[in-house]
Amino acid sequence: MGIDLNFDANREKVGEENGVAVWGPVDPPERLGVHGTHVAVDYDACVADGACLEDCPVDVFTWVDTPGHPESDRKVEPTREDQCIDCMLCVDICPVDAIDVDASRQ
């Protein structure tokens, strides 16, 4: 199952990590929520194949450690989501639909 496209309405913002908004529920290490707002990554769906990080033309993503998560021990975080050019490549390339980019959420 991919990211909830209405996460900002359906989830509560529970804090920030590395300057990136985190939307709950969060219960580490199994549930890590959605990270980001304009560029959002569902950490619970992300399998960390790295395609978005490798292919992003403006380097929006960085690796962060998520030890103990059932899908992977690291995730891509939209650390520089303010640099996003809305090309949607990350959305198109994600094999599990864990990413959403929405220009109305900034």
Protein backbone atom coordinates (compact mmCIF):
# COMPACT_ATOMS: atom_id res chain seq x y z
CA MET A 1 0.00 0.00 0.00
CA GLY A 2 1.38 3.40 -0.96
CA ILE A 3 1.34 6.76 0.75
CA ASP A 4 -1.97 8.27 1.87
CA LEU A 5 -2.30 11.23 -0.51
CA ASN A 6 -4.29 13.09 2.16
CA PHE A 7 -1.89 12.38 5.01
CA ASP A 8 -1.77 16.05 6.01
CA ALA A 9 -5.53 15.97 6.68
CA ASN A 10 -5.74 12.39 7.95
CA ARG A 11 -2.71 12.39 10.27
CA GLU A 12 -1.45 14.58 13.05
CA LYS A 13 1.87 16.37 12.76
CA VAL A 14 3.82 14.89 15.67
CA GLY A 15 7.12 16.74 15.36
CA GLU A 16 10.19 17.20 13.21
CA GLU A 17 13.36 15.27 12.47
CA ASN A 18 16.30 16.91 10.76
CA GLY A 19 14.08 19.92 10.02
CA VAL A 20 11.47 17.76 8.26
CA ALA A 21 7.87 17.48 9.47
CA VAL A 22 6.80 14.06 10.77
CA TRP A 23 3.17 12.98 10.55
CA GLY A 24 2.03 10.18 12.88
CA PRO A 25 1.26 7.77 14.13
CA VAL A 26 4.82 7.01 15.17
CA ASP A 27 5.84 4.04 17.31
CA PRO A 28 9.50 3.19 16.61
CA PRO A 29 10.95 1.07 15.30
CA GLU A 30 7.93 -0.44 13.52
CA ARG A 31 5.89 2.71 12.74
CA LEU A 32 7.76 5.79 11.59
CA GLY A 33 5.02 7.81 9.90
CA VAL A 34 5.24 10.16 6.94
CA HIS A 35 8.25 12.48 6.69
CA GLY A 36 8.01 15.74 4.76
CA THR A 37 5.17 17.95 3.62
CA HIS A 38 5.72 19.21 0.06
CA VAL A 39 7.78 16.11 -0.68
CA ALA A 40 6.44 13.36 1.57
CA VAL A 41 7.84 9.87 2.14
CA ASP A 42 5.83 7.21 3.93
CA TYR A 43 8.55 5.57 5.98
CA ASP A 44 6.33 2.58 6.71
CA ALA A 45 6.00 1.80 3.00
CA CYS A 46 9.51 2.81 1.88
CA VAL A 47 11.75 -0.15 0.98
CA ALA A 48 14.87 2.03 0.60
CA ASP A 49 15.85 0.99 -2.89
CA GLY A 50 17.40 4.46 -3.32
CA ALA A 51 16.01 5.17 -6.79
CA CYS A 52 14.55 8.51 -5.72
CA LEU A 53 17.81 9.59 -4.10
CA GLU A 54 19.89 8.57 -7.12
CA ASP A 55 17.59 10.08 -9.75
CA CYS A 56 16.46 13.33 -8.12
CA PRO A 57 17.91 16.13 -10.29
CA VAL A 58 18.14 18.59 -7.35
CA ASP A 59 19.23 16.22 -4.54
CA VAL A 60 16.15 16.58 -2.33
CA PHE A 61 16.82 13.30 -0.49
CA THR A 62 19.41 12.07 2.02
CA TRP A 63 19.79 8.71 3.77
CA VAL A 64 18.80 8.42 7.43
CA ASP A 65 19.15 5.38 9.66
CA THR A 66 15.99 3.61 10.81
CA PRO A 67 17.34 0.60 12.73
CA GLY A 68 14.84 -2.12 13.45
CA HIS A 69 12.20 -1.05 10.93
CA PRO A 70 10.69 -4.15 9.30
CA GLU A 71 11.14 -2.84 5.72
CA SER A 72 14.69 -1.48 5.94
CA ASP A 73 17.31 -0.11 8.33
CA ARG A 74 17.52 3.18 6.45
CA LYS A 75 15.13 5.47 4.60
CA VAL A 76 15.33 8.44 2.27
CA GLU A 77 14.41 11.70 3.92
CA PRO A 78 13.29 14.76 1.93
CA THR A 79 15.84 16.89 3.78
CA ARG A 80 15.90 19.55 1.07
CA GLU A 81 12.24 19.45 0.05
CA ASP A 82 12.32 23.23 -0.41
CA GLN A 83 14.61 22.62 -3.41
CA CYS A 84 12.05 20.37 -5.15
CA ILE A 85 11.23 21.43 -8.73
CA ASP A 86 8.03 19.32 -8.89
CA CYS A 87 9.35 17.11 -11.68
CA MET A 88 7.63 14.09 -10.04
CA LEU A 89 10.46 11.73 -11.00
CA CYS A 90 10.64 10.40 -7.43
CA VAL A 91 6.91 9.68 -7.45
CA ASP A 92 7.13 7.91 -10.80
CA ILE A 93 10.19 5.82 -9.92
CA CYS A 94 9.22 4.65 -6.42
CA PRO A 95 8.41 0.93 -6.72
CA VAL A 96 6.02 0.96 -3.74
CA ASP A 97 4.37 4.39 -4.22
CA ALA A 98 5.79 5.65 -0.92
CA ILE A 99 6.35 9.23 -2.16
CA ASP A 100 4.01 12.10 -2.95
CA VAL A 101 4.85 15.59 -4.20
CA ASP A 102 2.12 18.20 -3.91
CA ALA A 103 2.77 21.86 -4.72
CA SER A 104 -0.26 22.92 -2.65
CA ARG A 105 1.42 21.56 0.49
CA GLN A 106 4.34 23.89 1.11
